Amino acid sequence: MIKHNLGVISTPRLTPTERHLFPLLRKKFNVKFFPIHEITDLNYIKNESKNIKIILNTAGDIPNTFDSLEITKTFEGMGKHVIDSSKSFYYREDKWLFYQWCKKNNLPTPETYYIPRNINISKKT
């Protein structure tokens, strides 16, 4: 069985999801890791990703979101297909403002509640 190449944008500390996911990926793919805090050179990215067509972004969590977006856009600019691409990131505020705009203009939209990051504040709602 031929193993295809897969690039992974990862966090340096390995989240619990990454710890469980990576051994499974290694069974089916030749995996090349791109830890977001170790990548400093564009030539390194180009050389290491020559044979890779698909990049999986597992580093999109807070506080790594912005670093992850920069590297994701770099790969997209090189013509790589990125899973969890830069277009898939959105902010809770954007979603809330979209909901407000739909309501104001009488557009059908599902009922949405804004939940602050601190869930204890919003228990009453």
PDB file of N, CA and C in Angstrom:
ATOM      1  N   MET A   1       0.833  -1.175   0.000  1.00  0.00           N
ATOM      2  CA  MET A   1       0.000   0.000   0.000  1.00  0.00           C
ATOM      3  C   MET A   1       0.885   1.249   0.000  1.00  0.00           C
ATOM      4  N   ILE A   2       0.589   2.177  -0.889  1.00  0.00           N
ATOM      5  CA  ILE A   2       1.348   3.408  -0.979  1.00  0.00           C
ATOM      6  C   ILE A   2       0.845   4.394   0.069  1.00  0.00           C
ATOM      7  N   LYS A   3       1.777   4.953   0.833  1.00  0.00           N
ATOM      8  CA  LYS A   3       1.417   5.977   1.809  1.00  0.00           C
ATOM      9  C   LYS A   3       1.586   7.338   1.150  1.00  0.00           C
ATOM     10  N   HIS A   4       0.539   8.137   1.187  1.00  0.00           N
ATOM     11  CA  HIS A   4       0.593   9.488   0.647  1.00  0.00           C
ATOM     12  C   HIS A   4       1.204  10.427   1.673  1.00  0.00           C
ATOM     13  N   ASN A   5       1.705  11.545   1.197  1.00  0.00           N
ATOM     14  CA  ASN A   5       2.320  12.536   2.072  1.00  0.00           C
ATOM     15  C   ASN A   5       1.261  13.487   2.615  1.00  0.00           C
ATOM     16  N   LEU A   6       1.400  13.837   3.867  1.00  0.00           N
ATOM     17  CA  LEU A   6       0.473  14.741   4.534  1.00  0.00           C
ATOM     18  C   LEU A   6       1.277  15.680   5.414  1.00  0.00           C
ATOM     19  N   GLY A   7       1.037  16.968   5.269  1.00  0.00           N
ATOM     20  CA  GLY A   7       1.663  17.948   6.148  1.00  0.00           C
ATOM     21  C   GLY A   7       0.716  18.310   7.272  1.00  0.00           C
ATOM     22  N   VAL A   8       1.270  18.581   8.437  1.00  0.00           N
ATOM     23  CA  VAL A   8       0.441  18.933   9.595  1.00  0.00           C
ATOM     24  C   VAL A   8       1.021  20.175  10.259  1.00  0.00           C
ATOM     25  N   ILE A   9       0.210  21.229  10.326  1.00  0.00           N
ATOM     26  CA  ILE A   9       0.579  22.410  11.107  1.00  0.00           C
ATOM     27  C   ILE A   9       0.159  22.103  12.535  1.00  0.00           C
ATOM     28  N   SER A  10       1.128  22.019  13.429  1.00  0.00           N
ATOM     29  CA  SER A  10       0.820  21.582  14.788  1.00  0.00           C
ATOM     30  C   SER A  10       1.275  22.610  15.812  1.00  0.00           C
ATOM     31  N   THR A  11       0.809  22.428  17.032  1.00  0.00           N
ATOM     32  CA  THR A  11       1.236  23.277  18.138  1.00  0.00           C
ATOM     33  C   THR A  11       2.496  22.674  18.739  1.00  0.00           C
ATOM     34  N   PRO A  12       3.318  23.476  19.400  1.00  0.00           N
ATOM     35  CA  PRO A  12       4.537  22.912  19.979  1.00  0.00           C
ATOM     36  C   PRO A  12       4.274  22.048  21.207  1.00  0.00           C
ATOM     37  N   ARG A  13       3.152  22.266  21.869  1.00  0.00           N
ATOM     38  CA  ARG A  13       2.906  21.539  23.113  1.00  0.00           C
ATOM     39  C   ARG A  13       2.055  20.294  22.922  1.00  0.00           C
ATOM     40  N   LEU A  14       1.546  20.061  21.748  1.00  0.00           N
ATOM     41  CA  LEU A  14       0.669  18.928  21.425  1.00  0.00           C
ATOM     42  C   LEU A  14      -0.580  18.908  22.302  1.00  0.00           C
ATOM     43  N   THR A  15      -1.678  19.301  21.742  1.00  0.00           N
ATOM     44  CA  THR A  15      -2.953  19.278  22.444  1.00  0.00           C
ATOM     45  C   THR A  15      -3.400  17.823  22.600  1.00  0.00           C
ATOM     46  N   PRO A  16      -4.345  17.540  23.490  1.00  0.00           N
ATOM     47  CA  PRO A  16      -4.828  16.156  23.645  1.00  0.00           C
ATOM     48  C   PRO A  16      -5.343  15.573  22.322  1.00  0.00           C
ATOM     49  N   THR A  17      -6.009  16.389  21.518  1.00  0.00           N
ATOM     50  CA  THR A  17      -6.499  15.911  20.226  1.00  0.00           C
ATOM     51  C   THR A  17      -5.330  15.488  19.347  1.00  0.00           C
ATOM     52  N   GLU A  18      -4.291  16.308  19.310  1.00  0.00           N
ATOM     53  CA  GLU A  18      -3.125  15.983  18.493  1.00  0.00           C
ATOM     54  C   GLU A  18      -2.444  14.707  18.983  1.00  0.00           C
ATOM     55  N   ARG A  19      -2.369  14.526  20.288  1.00  0.00           N
ATOM     56  CA  ARG A  19      -1.733  13.319  20.833  1.00  0.00           C
ATOM     57  C   ARG A  19      -2.447  12.045  20.396  1.00  0.00           C
ATOM     58  N   HIS A  20      -3.759  12.113  20.238  1.00  0.00           N
ATOM     59  CA  HIS A  20      -4.516  10.935  19.805  1.00  0.00           C
ATOM     60  C   HIS A  20      -4.571  10.811  18.288  1.00  0.00           C
ATOM     61  N   LEU A  21      -4.583  11.953  17.609  1.00  0.00           N
ATOM     62  CA  LEU A  21      -4.726  11.964  16.156  1.00  0.00           C
ATOM     63  C   LEU A  21      -3.451  11.563  15.428  1.00  0.00           C
ATOM     64  N   PHE A  22      -2.302  12.035  15.882  1.00  0.00           N
ATOM     65  CA  PHE A  22      -1.065  11.826  15.146  1.00  0.00           C
ATOM     66  C   PHE A  22      -0.675  10.357  14.990  1.00  0.00           C
ATOM     67  N   PRO A  23      -0.790   9.527  16.008  1.00  0.00           N
ATOM     68  CA  PRO A  23      -0.466   8.103  15.778  1.00  0.00           C
ATOM     69  C   PRO A  23      -1.370   7.460  14.713  1.00  0.00           C
ATOM     70  N   LEU A  24      -2.631   7.875  14.671  1.00  0.00           N
ATOM     71  CA  LEU A  24      -3.539   7.329  13.652  1.00  0.00           C
ATOM     72  C   LEU A  24      -3.140   7.795  12.253  1.00  0.00           C
ATOM     73  N   LEU A  25      -2.747   9.065  12.132  1.00  0.00           N
ATOM     74  CA  LEU A  25      -2.326   9.580  10.834  1.00  0.00           C
ATOM     75  C   LEU A  25      -1.055   8.900  10.342  1.00  0.00           C
ATOM     76  N   ARG A  26      -0.131   8.613  11.255  1.00  0.00           N
ATOM     77  CA  ARG A  26       1.140   7.983  10.870  1.00  0.00           C
ATOM     78  C   ARG A  26       0.936   6.584  10.292  1.00  0.00           C
ATOM     79  N   LYS A  27      -0.144   5.920  10.678  1.00  0.00           N
ATOM     80  CA  LYS A  27      -0.413   4.582  10.138  1.00  0.00           C
ATOM     81  C   LYS A  27      -0.759   4.626   8.657  1.00  0.00           C
ATOM     82  N   LYS A  28      -1.408   5.703   8.204  1.00  0.00           N
ATOM     83  CA  LYS A  28      -1.898   5.762   6.831  1.00  0.00           C
ATOM     84  C   LYS A  28      -1.132   6.729   5.933  1.00  0.00           C
ATOM     85  N   PHE A  29      -0.381   7.670   6.528  1.00  0.00           N
ATOM     86  CA  PHE A  29       0.288   8.702   5.742  1.00  0.00           C
ATOM     87  C   PHE A  29       1.747   8.852   6.157  1.00  0.00           C
ATOM     88  N   ASN A  30       2.544   9.369   5.236  1.00  0.00           N
ATOM     89  CA  ASN A  30       3.869   9.872   5.588  1.00  0.00           C
ATOM     90  C   ASN A  30       3.641  11.292   6.080  1.00  0.00           C
ATOM     91  N   VAL A  31       3.796  11.504   7.362  1.00  0.00           N
ATOM     92  CA  VAL A  31       3.431  12.776   7.974  1.00  0.00           C
ATOM     93  C   VAL A  31       4.669  13.641   8.169  1.00  0.00           C
ATOM     94  N   LYS A  32       4.568  14.888   7.726  1.00  0.00           N
ATOM     95  CA  LYS A  32       5.611  15.898   7.963  1.00  0.00           C
ATOM     96  C   LYS A  32       4.997  16.989   8.832  1.00  0.00           C
ATOM     97  N   PHE A  33       5.602  17.226   9.995  1.00  0.00           N
ATOM     98  CA  PHE A  33       5.066  18.199  10.935  1.00  0.00           C
ATOM     99  C   PHE A  33       5.686  19.574  10.716  1.00  0.00           C
ATOM    100  N   PHE A  34       4.850  20.590  10.873  1.00  0.00           N
ATOM    101  CA  PHE A  34       5.273  21.984  10.809  1.00  0.00           C
ATOM    102  C   PHE A  34       4.810  22.668  12.093  1.00  0.00           C
ATOM    103  N   PRO A  35       5.578  22.527  13.207  1.00  0.00           N
ATOM    104  CA  PRO A  35       5.188  23.198  14.456  1.00  0.00           C
ATOM    105  C   PRO A  35       5.243  24.714  14.277  1.00  0.00           C
ATOM    106  N   ILE A  36       4.182  25.394  14.654  1.00  0.00           N
ATOM    107  CA  ILE A  36       4.049  26.810  14.312  1.00  0.00           C
ATOM    108  C   ILE A  36       5.111  27.700  14.937  1.00  0.00           C
ATOM    109  N   HIS A  37       5.670  27.335  16.088  1.00  0.00           N
ATOM    110  CA  HIS A  37       6.653  28.199  16.727  1.00  0.00           C
ATOM    111  C   HIS A  37       8.088  27.874  16.314  1.00  0.00           C
ATOM    112  N   GLU A  38       8.258  26.878  15.460  1.00  0.00           N
ATOM    113  CA  GLU A  38       9.596  26.529  15.006  1.00  0.00           C
ATOM    114  C   GLU A  38       9.847  26.953  13.563  1.00  0.00           C
ATOM    115  N   ILE A  39       8.801  27.343  12.841  1.00  0.00           N
ATOM    116  CA  ILE A  39       8.951  27.723  11.449  1.00  0.00           C
ATOM    117  C   ILE A  39       9.337  29.195  11.374  1.00  0.00           C
ATOM    118  N   THR A  40      10.512  29.448  10.790  1.00  0.00           N
ATOM    119  CA  THR A  40      10.971  30.835  10.690  1.00  0.00           C
ATOM    120  C   THR A  40      11.402  31.201   9.278  1.00  0.00           C
ATOM    121  N   ASP A  41      11.522  30.229   8.394  1.00  0.00           N
ATOM    122  CA  ASP A  41      12.102  30.485   7.091  1.00  0.00           C
ATOM    123  C   ASP A  41      11.178  29.995   5.973  1.00  0.00           C
ATOM    124  N   LEU A  42      10.893  30.855   5.021  1.00  0.00           N
ATOM    125  CA  LEU A  42      10.045  30.493   3.887  1.00  0.00           C
ATOM    126  C   LEU A  42      10.689  29.407   3.025  1.00  0.00           C
ATOM    127  N   ASN A  43      12.001  29.457   2.851  1.00  0.00           N
ATOM    128  CA  ASN A  43      12.691  28.421   2.063  1.00  0.00           C
ATOM    129  C   ASN A  43      12.554  27.046   2.709  1.00  0.00           C
ATOM    130  N   TYR A  44      12.578  27.007   4.044  1.00  0.00           N
ATOM    131  CA  TYR A  44      12.377  25.745   4.765  1.00  0.00           C
ATOM    132  C   TYR A  44      11.000  25.176   4.455  1.00  0.00           C
ATOM    133  N   ILE A  45       9.987  26.034   4.507  1.00  0.00           N
ATOM    134  CA  ILE A  45       8.619  25.583   4.217  1.00  0.00           C
ATOM    135  C   ILE A  45       8.526  25.058   2.791  1.00  0.00           C
ATOM    136  N   LYS A  46       9.100  25.782   1.836  1.00  0.00           N
ATOM    137  CA  LYS A  46       9.046  25.361   0.428  1.00  0.00           C
ATOM    138  C   LYS A  46       9.744  24.024   0.214  1.00  0.00           C
ATOM    139  N   ASN A  47      10.940  23.857   0.781  1.00  0.00           N
ATOM    140  CA  ASN A  47      11.698  22.616   0.598  1.00  0.00           C
ATOM    141  C   ASN A  47      11.033  21.421   1.252  1.00  0.00           C
ATOM    142  N   GLU A  48      10.526  21.620   2.450  1.00  0.00           N
ATOM    143  CA  GLU A  48       9.933  20.509   3.192  1.00  0.00           C
ATOM    144  C   GLU A  48       8.557  20.099   2.674  1.00  0.00           C
ATOM    145  N   SER A  49       7.890  20.988   1.963  1.00  0.00           N
ATOM    146  CA  SER A  49       6.531  20.661   1.503  1.00  0.00           C
ATOM    147  C   SER A  49       6.454  20.395  -0.005  1.00  0.00           C
ATOM    148  N   LYS A  50       7.582  20.121  -0.644  1.00  0.00           N
ATOM    149  CA  LYS A  50       7.592  19.899  -2.100  1.00  0.00           C
ATOM    150  C   LYS A  50       6.638  18.785  -2.531  1.00  0.00           C
ATOM    151  N   ASN A  51       6.669  17.670  -1.845  1.00  0.00           N
ATOM    152  CA  ASN A  51       5.879  16.499  -2.236  1.00  0.00           C
ATOM    153  C   ASN A  51       4.551  16.403  -1.497  1.00  0.00           C
ATOM    154  N   ILE A  52       4.171  17.449  -0.812  1.00  0.00           N
ATOM    155  CA  ILE A  52       2.940  17.432  -0.022  1.00  0.00           C
ATOM    156  C   ILE A  52       1.883  18.265  -0.733  1.00  0.00           C
ATOM    157  N   LYS A  53       0.698  17.658  -0.930  1.00  0.00           N
ATOM    158  CA  LYS A  53      -0.403  18.385  -1.568  1.00  0.00           C
ATOM    159  C   LYS A  53      -1.450  18.835  -0.559  1.00  0.00           C
ATOM    160  N   ILE A  54      -1.564  18.092   0.546  1.00  0.00           N
ATOM    161  CA  ILE A  54      -2.602  18.380   1.544  1.00  0.00           C
ATOM    162  C   ILE A  54      -1.930  18.692   2.876  1.00  0.00           C
ATOM    163  N   ILE A  55      -2.389  19.783   3.490  1.00  0.00           N
ATOM    164  CA  ILE A  55      -1.890  20.211   4.797  1.00  0.00           C
ATOM    165  C   ILE A  55      -3.071  20.222   5.764  1.00  0.00           C
ATOM    166  N   LEU A  56      -2.888  19.611   6.924  1.00  0.00           N
ATOM    167  CA  LEU A  56      -3.906  19.609   7.968  1.00  0.00           C
ATOM    168  C   LEU A  56      -3.494  20.605   9.035  1.00  0.00           C
ATOM    169  N   ASN A  57      -4.372  21.554   9.337  1.00  0.00           N
ATOM    170  CA  ASN A  57      -4.076  22.565  10.348  1.00  0.00           C
ATOM    171  C   ASN A  57      -4.741  22.166  11.659  1.00  0.00           C
ATOM    172  N   THR A  58      -3.935  21.704  12.624  1.00  0.00           N
ATOM    173  CA  THR A  58      -4.484  21.344  13.941  1.00  0.00           C
ATOM    174  C   THR A  58      -4.140  22.394  14.986  1.00  0.00           C
ATOM    175  N   ALA A  59      -3.545  23.506  14.555  1.00  0.00           N
ATOM    176  CA  ALA A  59      -3.082  24.531  15.498  1.00  0.00           C
ATOM    177  C   ALA A  59      -3.976  25.757  15.499  1.00  0.00           C
ATOM    178  N   GLY A  60      -5.228  25.611  15.150  1.00  0.00           N
ATOM    179  CA  GLY A  60      -6.113  26.758  15.047  1.00  0.00           C
ATOM    180  C   GLY A  60      -6.768  27.172  16.336  1.00  0.00           C
ATOM    181  N   ASP A  61      -6.323  26.624  17.454  1.00  0.00           N
ATOM    182  CA  ASP A  61      -6.942  26.970  18.731  1.00  0.00           C
ATOM    183  C   ASP A  61      -6.339  28.248  19.291  1.00  0.00           C
ATOM    184  N   ILE A  62      -7.045  28.867  20.195  1.00  0.00           N
ATOM    185  CA  ILE A  62      -6.538  30.059  20.873  1.00  0.00           C
ATOM    186  C   ILE A  62      -5.495  29.589  21.875  1.00  0.00           C
ATOM    187  N   PRO A  63      -4.342  30.144  22.010  1.00  0.00           N
ATOM    188  CA  PRO A  63      -3.834  31.418  21.523  1.00  0.00           C
ATOM    189  C   PRO A  63      -3.040  31.304  20.226  1.00  0.00           C
ATOM    190  N   ASN A  64      -3.069  30.163  19.557  1.00  0.00           N
ATOM    191  CA  ASN A  64      -2.246  29.955  18.364  1.00  0.00           C
ATOM    192  C   ASN A  64      -2.920  30.396  17.075  1.00  0.00           C
ATOM    193  N   THR A  65      -4.113  30.900  17.140  1.00  0.00           N
ATOM    194  CA  THR A  65      -4.901  31.172  15.944  1.00  0.00           C
ATOM    195  C   THR A  65      -4.184  32.057  14.945  1.00  0.00           C
ATOM    196  N   PHE A  66      -3.633  33.174  15.391  1.00  0.00           N
ATOM    197  CA  PHE A  66      -3.024  34.111  14.448  1.00  0.00           C
ATOM    198  C   PHE A  66      -1.749  33.556  13.835  1.00  0.00           C
ATOM    199  N   ASP A  67      -0.906  32.881  14.624  1.00  0.00           N
ATOM    200  CA  ASP A  67       0.288  32.244  14.072  1.00  0.00           C
ATOM    201  C   ASP A  67      -0.105  31.173  13.067  1.00  0.00           C
ATOM    202  N   SER A  68      -1.128  30.426  13.399  1.00  0.00           N
ATOM    203  CA  SER A  68      -1.615  29.368  12.517  1.00  0.00           C
ATOM    204  C   SER A  68      -2.129  29.948  11.201  1.00  0.00           C
ATOM    205  N   LEU A  69      -2.830  31.075  11.277  1.00  0.00           N
ATOM    206  CA  LEU A  69      -3.355  31.706  10.058  1.00  0.00           C
ATOM    207  C   LEU A  69      -2.247  32.142   9.118  1.00  0.00           C
ATOM    208  N   GLU A  70      -1.156  32.679   9.658  1.00  0.00           N
ATOM    209  CA  GLU A  70      -0.052  33.131   8.816  1.00  0.00           C
ATOM    210  C   GLU A  70       0.551  31.968   8.043  1.00  0.00           C
ATOM    211  N   ILE A  71       0.796  30.870   8.728  1.00  0.00           N
ATOM    212  CA  ILE A  71       1.392  29.713   8.070  1.00  0.00           C
ATOM    213  C   ILE A  71       0.398  29.086   7.094  1.00  0.00           C
ATOM    214  N   THR A  72      -0.871  29.052   7.466  1.00  0.00           N
ATOM    215  CA  THR A  72      -1.904  28.526   6.579  1.00  0.00           C
ATOM    216  C   THR A  72      -1.955  29.319   5.281  1.00  0.00           C
ATOM    217  N   LYS A  73      -1.947  30.633   5.380  1.00  0.00           N
ATOM    218  CA  LYS A  73      -1.983  31.470   4.176  1.00  0.00           C
ATOM    219  C   LYS A  73      -0.724  31.281   3.336  1.00  0.00           C
ATOM    220  N   THR A  74       0.397  31.016   3.979  1.00  0.00           N
ATOM    221  CA  THR A  74       1.634  30.745   3.236  1.00  0.00           C
ATOM    222  C   THR A  74       1.473  29.477   2.399  1.00  0.00           C
ATOM    223  N   PHE A  75       0.956  28.427   3.011  1.00  0.00           N
ATOM    224  CA  PHE A  75       0.745  27.177   2.269  1.00  0.00           C
ATOM    225  C   PHE A  75      -0.284  27.362   1.156  1.00  0.00           C
ATOM    226  N   GLU A  76      -1.351  28.086   1.438  1.00  0.00           N
ATOM    227  CA  GLU A  76      -2.367  28.334   0.406  1.00  0.00           C
ATOM    228  C   GLU A  76      -1.782  29.112  -0.761  1.00  0.00           C
ATOM    229  N   GLY A  77      -0.892  30.063  -0.475  1.00  0.00           N
ATOM    230  CA  GLY A  77      -0.233  30.826  -1.524  1.00  0.00           C
ATOM    231  C   GLY A  77       0.679  29.967  -2.380  1.00  0.00           C
ATOM    232  N   MET A  78       1.164  28.871  -1.823  1.00  0.00           N
ATOM    233  CA  MET A  78       2.013  27.945  -2.576  1.00  0.00           C
ATOM    234  C   MET A  78       1.188  26.919  -3.343  1.00  0.00           C
ATOM    235  N   GLY A  79      -0.143  27.010  -3.260  1.00  0.00           N
ATOM    236  CA  GLY A  79      -1.009  26.101  -4.007  1.00  0.00           C
ATOM    237  C   GLY A  79      -1.357  24.816  -3.283  1.00  0.00           C
ATOM    238  N   LYS A  80      -1.085  24.732  -1.996  1.00  0.00           N
ATOM    239  CA  LYS A  80      -1.422  23.538  -1.208  1.00  0.00           C
ATOM    240  C   LYS A  80      -2.877  23.620  -0.772  1.00  0.00           C
ATOM    241  N   HIS A  81      -3.503  22.462  -0.634  1.00  0.00           N
ATOM    242  CA  HIS A  81      -4.869  22.405  -0.108  1.00  0.00           C
ATOM    243  C   HIS A  81      -4.764  22.274   1.411  1.00  0.00           C
ATOM    244  N   VAL A  82      -5.326  23.237   2.137  1.00  0.00           N
ATOM    245  CA  VAL A  82      -5.228  23.242   3.596  1.00  0.00           C
ATOM    246  C   VAL A  82      -6.584  22.911   4.190  1.00  0.00           C
ATOM    247  N   ILE A  83      -6.605  21.894   5.034  1.00  0.00           N
ATOM    248  CA  ILE A  83      -7.819  21.544   5.773  1.00  0.00           C
ATOM    249  C   ILE A  83      -7.837  22.419   7.020  1.00  0.00           C
ATOM    250  N   ASP A  84      -8.959  23.051   7.305  1.00  0.00           N
ATOM    251  CA  ASP A  84      -9.097  24.160   8.254  1.00  0.00           C
ATOM    252  C   ASP A  84      -8.334  25.346   7.695  1.00  0.00           C
ATOM    253  N   SER A  85      -8.754  25.747   6.520  1.00  0.00           N
ATOM    254  CA  SER A  85      -8.076  26.820   5.798  1.00  0.00           C
ATOM    255  C   SER A  85      -8.298  28.157   6.473  1.00  0.00           C
ATOM    256  N   SER A  86      -7.647  29.171   5.936  1.00  0.00           N
ATOM    257  CA  SER A  86      -7.793  30.512   6.505  1.00  0.00           C
ATOM    258  C   SER A  86      -9.210  31.028   6.319  1.00  0.00           C
ATOM    259  N   LYS A  87      -9.945  30.496   5.348  1.00  0.00           N
ATOM    260  CA  LYS A  87     -11.320  30.925   5.114  1.00  0.00           C
ATOM    261  C   LYS A  87     -12.287  30.319   6.132  1.00  0.00           C
ATOM    262  N   SER A  88     -11.870  29.280   6.845  1.00  0.00           N
ATOM    263  CA  SER A  88     -12.769  28.627   7.787  1.00  0.00           C
ATOM    264  C   SER A  88     -12.748  29.274   9.160  1.00  0.00           C
ATOM    265  N   PHE A  89     -11.818  30.183   9.392  1.00  0.00           N
ATOM    266  CA  PHE A  89     -11.764  30.849  10.685  1.00  0.00           C
ATOM    267  C   PHE A  89     -12.770  31.988  10.730  1.00  0.00           C
ATOM    268  N   TYR A  90     -13.475  32.089  11.794  1.00  0.00           N
ATOM    269  CA  TYR A  90     -14.388  33.200  11.995  1.00  0.00           C
ATOM    270  C   TYR A  90     -14.346  33.554  13.474  1.00  0.00           C
ATOM    271  N   TYR A  91     -14.842  34.677  13.768  1.00  0.00           N
ATOM    272  CA  TYR A  91     -14.858  35.143  15.138  1.00  0.00           C
ATOM    273  C   TYR A  91     -16.294  35.138  15.650  1.00  0.00           C
ATOM    274  N   ARG A  92     -16.441  34.837  16.917  1.00  0.00           N
ATOM    275  CA  ARG A  92     -17.792  34.790  17.500  1.00  0.00           C
ATOM    276  C   ARG A  92     -18.515  36.110  17.291  1.00  0.00           C
ATOM    277  N   GLU A  93     -17.765  37.200  17.349  1.00  0.00           N
ATOM    278  CA  GLU A  93     -18.383  38.511  17.184  1.00  0.00           C
ATOM    279  C   GLU A  93     -18.976  38.662  15.788  1.00  0.00           C
ATOM    280  N   ASP A  94     -18.275  38.146  14.776  1.00  0.00           N
ATOM    281  CA  ASP A  94     -18.776  38.218  13.404  1.00  0.00           C
ATOM    282  C   ASP A  94     -20.094  37.452  13.271  1.00  0.00           C
ATOM    283  N   LYS A  95     -20.144  36.289  13.883  1.00  0.00           N
ATOM    284  CA  LYS A  95     -21.350  35.470  13.813  1.00  0.00           C
ATOM    285  C   LYS A  95     -22.514  36.197  14.496  1.00  0.00           C
ATOM    286  N   TRP A  96     -22.227  36.800  15.625  1.00  0.00           N
ATOM    287  CA  TRP A  96     -23.260  37.537  16.356  1.00  0.00           C
ATOM    288  C   TRP A  96     -23.754  38.733  15.555  1.00  0.00           C
ATOM    289  N   LEU A  97     -22.813  39.478  14.956  1.00  0.00           N
ATOM    290  CA  LEU A  97     -23.204  40.642  14.157  1.00  0.00           C
ATOM    291  C   LEU A  97     -24.002  40.215  12.931  1.00  0.00           C
ATOM    292  N   PHE A  98     -23.670  39.091  12.324  1.00  0.00           N
ATOM    293  CA  PHE A  98     -24.433  38.571  11.195  1.00  0.00           C
ATOM    294  C   PHE A  98     -25.864  38.253  11.622  1.00  0.00           C
ATOM    295  N   TYR A  99     -26.005  37.635  12.788  1.00  0.00           N
ATOM    296  CA  TYR A  99     -27.333  37.330  13.325  1.00  0.00           C
ATOM    297  C   TYR A  99     -28.132  38.621  13.531  1.00  0.00           C
ATOM    298  N   GLN A 100     -27.492  39.628  14.119  1.00  0.00           N
ATOM    299  CA  GLN A 100     -28.172  40.899  14.354  1.00  0.00           C
ATOM    300  C   GLN A 100     -28.612  41.549  13.046  1.00  0.00           C
ATOM    301  N   TRP A 101     -27.773  41.506  12.043  1.00  0.00           N
ATOM    302  CA  TRP A 101     -28.081  42.084  10.735  1.00  0.00           C
ATOM    303  C   TRP A 101     -29.280  41.371  10.099  1.00  0.00           C
ATOM    304  N   CYS A 102     -29.311  40.036  10.186  1.00  0.00           N
ATOM    305  CA  CYS A 102     -30.435  39.266   9.633  1.00  0.00           C
ATOM    306  C   CYS A 102     -31.740  39.621  10.336  1.00  0.00           C
ATOM    307  N   LYS A 103     -31.709  39.710  11.651  1.00  0.00           N
ATOM    308  CA  LYS A 103     -32.906  40.061  12.406  1.00  0.00           C
ATOM    309  C   LYS A 103     -33.403  41.457  12.035  1.00  0.00           C
ATOM    310  N   LYS A 104     -32.491  42.399  11.922  1.00  0.00           N
ATOM    311  CA  LYS A 104     -32.839  43.781  11.603  1.00  0.00           C
ATOM    312  C   LYS A 104     -33.503  43.883  10.230  1.00  0.00           C
ATOM    313  N   ASN A 105     -33.078  43.048   9.290  1.00  0.00           N
ATOM    314  CA  ASN A 105     -33.596  43.092   7.925  1.00  0.00           C
ATOM    315  C   ASN A 105     -34.656  42.029   7.644  1.00  0.00           C
ATOM    316  N   ASN A 106     -35.203  41.436   8.707  1.00  0.00           N
ATOM    317  CA  ASN A 106     -36.274  40.442   8.607  1.00  0.00           C
ATOM    318  C   ASN A 106     -35.909  39.264   7.702  1.00  0.00           C
ATOM    319  N   LEU A 107     -34.680  38.803   7.803  1.00  0.00           N
ATOM    320  CA  LEU A 107     -34.248  37.618   7.064  1.00  0.00           C
ATOM    321  C   LEU A 107     -34.370  36.400   7.972  1.00  0.00           C
ATOM    322  N   PRO A 108     -34.788  35.275   7.430  1.00  0.00           N
ATOM    323  CA  PRO A 108     -34.915  34.085   8.277  1.00  0.00           C
ATOM    324  C   PRO A 108     -33.545  33.661   8.826  1.00  0.00           C
ATOM    325  N   THR A 109     -33.504  33.481  10.089  1.00  0.00           N
ATOM    326  CA  THR A 109     -32.262  33.053  10.735  1.00  0.00           C
ATOM    327  C   THR A 109     -32.616  32.271  11.993  1.00  0.00           C
ATOM    328  N   PRO A 110     -31.853  31.223  12.303  1.00  0.00           N
ATOM    329  CA  PRO A 110     -32.151  30.479  13.533  1.00  0.00           C
ATOM    330  C   PRO A 110     -31.904  31.346  14.762  1.00  0.00           C
ATOM    331  N   GLU A 111     -32.632  31.086  15.810  1.00  0.00           N
ATOM    332  CA  GLU A 111     -32.468  31.842  17.048  1.00  0.00           C
ATOM    333  C   GLU A 111     -31.065  31.597  17.590  1.00  0.00           C
ATOM    334  N   THR A 112     -30.364  32.645  17.910  1.00  0.00           N
ATOM    335  CA  THR A 112     -28.974  32.572  18.346  1.00  0.00           C
ATOM    336  C   THR A 112     -28.820  33.361  19.632  1.00  0.00           C
ATOM    337  N   TYR A 113     -28.003  32.848  20.522  1.00  0.00           N
ATOM    338  CA  TYR A 113     -27.704  33.539  21.767  1.00  0.00           C
ATOM    339  C   TYR A 113     -26.212  33.805  21.824  1.00  0.00           C
ATOM    340  N   TYR A 114     -25.870  35.002  22.216  1.00  0.00           N
ATOM    341  CA  TYR A 114     -24.455  35.335  22.384  1.00  0.00           C
ATOM    342  C   TYR A 114     -24.010  34.809  23.736  1.00  0.00           C
ATOM    343  N   ILE A 115     -23.023  33.943  23.730  1.00  0.00           N
ATOM    344  CA  ILE A 115     -22.509  33.372  24.966  1.00  0.00           C
ATOM    345  C   ILE A 115     -21.098  33.901  25.179  1.00  0.00           C
ATOM    346  N   PRO A 116     -20.877  34.659  26.244  1.00  0.00           N
ATOM    347  CA  PRO A 116     -19.538  35.169  26.498  1.00  0.00           C
ATOM    348  C   PRO A 116     -18.562  34.031  26.785  1.00  0.00           C
ATOM    349  N   ARG A 117     -17.288  34.338  26.673  1.00  0.00           N
ATOM    350  CA  ARG A 117     -16.258  33.323  26.914  1.00  0.00           C
ATOM    351  C   ARG A 117     -16.380  32.747  28.321  1.00  0.00           C
ATOM    352  N   ASN A 118     -16.657  33.595  29.315  1.00  0.00           N
ATOM    353  CA  ASN A 118     -16.834  33.125  30.679  1.00  0.00           C
ATOM    354  C   ASN A 118     -18.261  32.595  30.805  1.00  0.00           C
ATOM    355  N   ILE A 119     -18.426  31.305  30.762  1.00  0.00           N
ATOM    356  CA  ILE A 119     -19.751  30.669  30.732  1.00  0.00           C
ATOM    357  C   ILE A 119     -20.519  30.915  32.030  1.00  0.00           C
ATOM    358  N   ASN A 120     -19.805  31.176  33.140  1.00  0.00           N
ATOM    359  CA  ASN A 120     -20.487  31.406  34.411  1.00  0.00           C
ATOM    360  C   ASN A 120     -21.330  32.671  34.370  1.00  0.00           C
ATOM    361  N   ILE A 121     -20.924  33.656  33.565  1.00  0.00           N
ATOM    362  CA  ILE A 121     -21.678  34.902  33.451  1.00  0.00           C
ATOM    363  C   ILE A 121     -23.033  34.649  32.785  1.00  0.00           C
ATOM    364  N   SER A 122     -23.095  33.719  31.867  1.00  0.00           N
ATOM    365  CA  SER A 122     -24.285  33.540  31.047  1.00  0.00           C
ATOM    366  C   SER A 122     -25.176  32.378  31.503  1.00  0.00           C
ATOM    367  N   LYS A 123     -25.006  31.861  32.683  1.00  0.00           N
ATOM    368  CA  LYS A 123     -25.818  30.732  33.141  1.00  0.00           C
ATOM    369  C   LYS A 123     -27.299  31.081  33.208  1.00  0.00           C
ATOM    370  N   LYS A 124     -27.612  32.315  33.560  1.00  0.00           N
ATOM    371  CA  LYS A 124     -29.026  32.712  33.647  1.00  0.00           C
ATOM    372  C   LYS A 124     -29.695  32.650  32.283  1.00  0.00           C
ATOM    373  N   THR A 125     -28.994  33.058  31.243  1.00  0.00           N
ATOM    374  CA  THR A 125     -29.552  33.037  29.890  1.00  0.00           C
ATOM    375  C   THR A 125     -29.757  31.622  29.440  1.00  0.00           C
TER     376      THR A 125
END
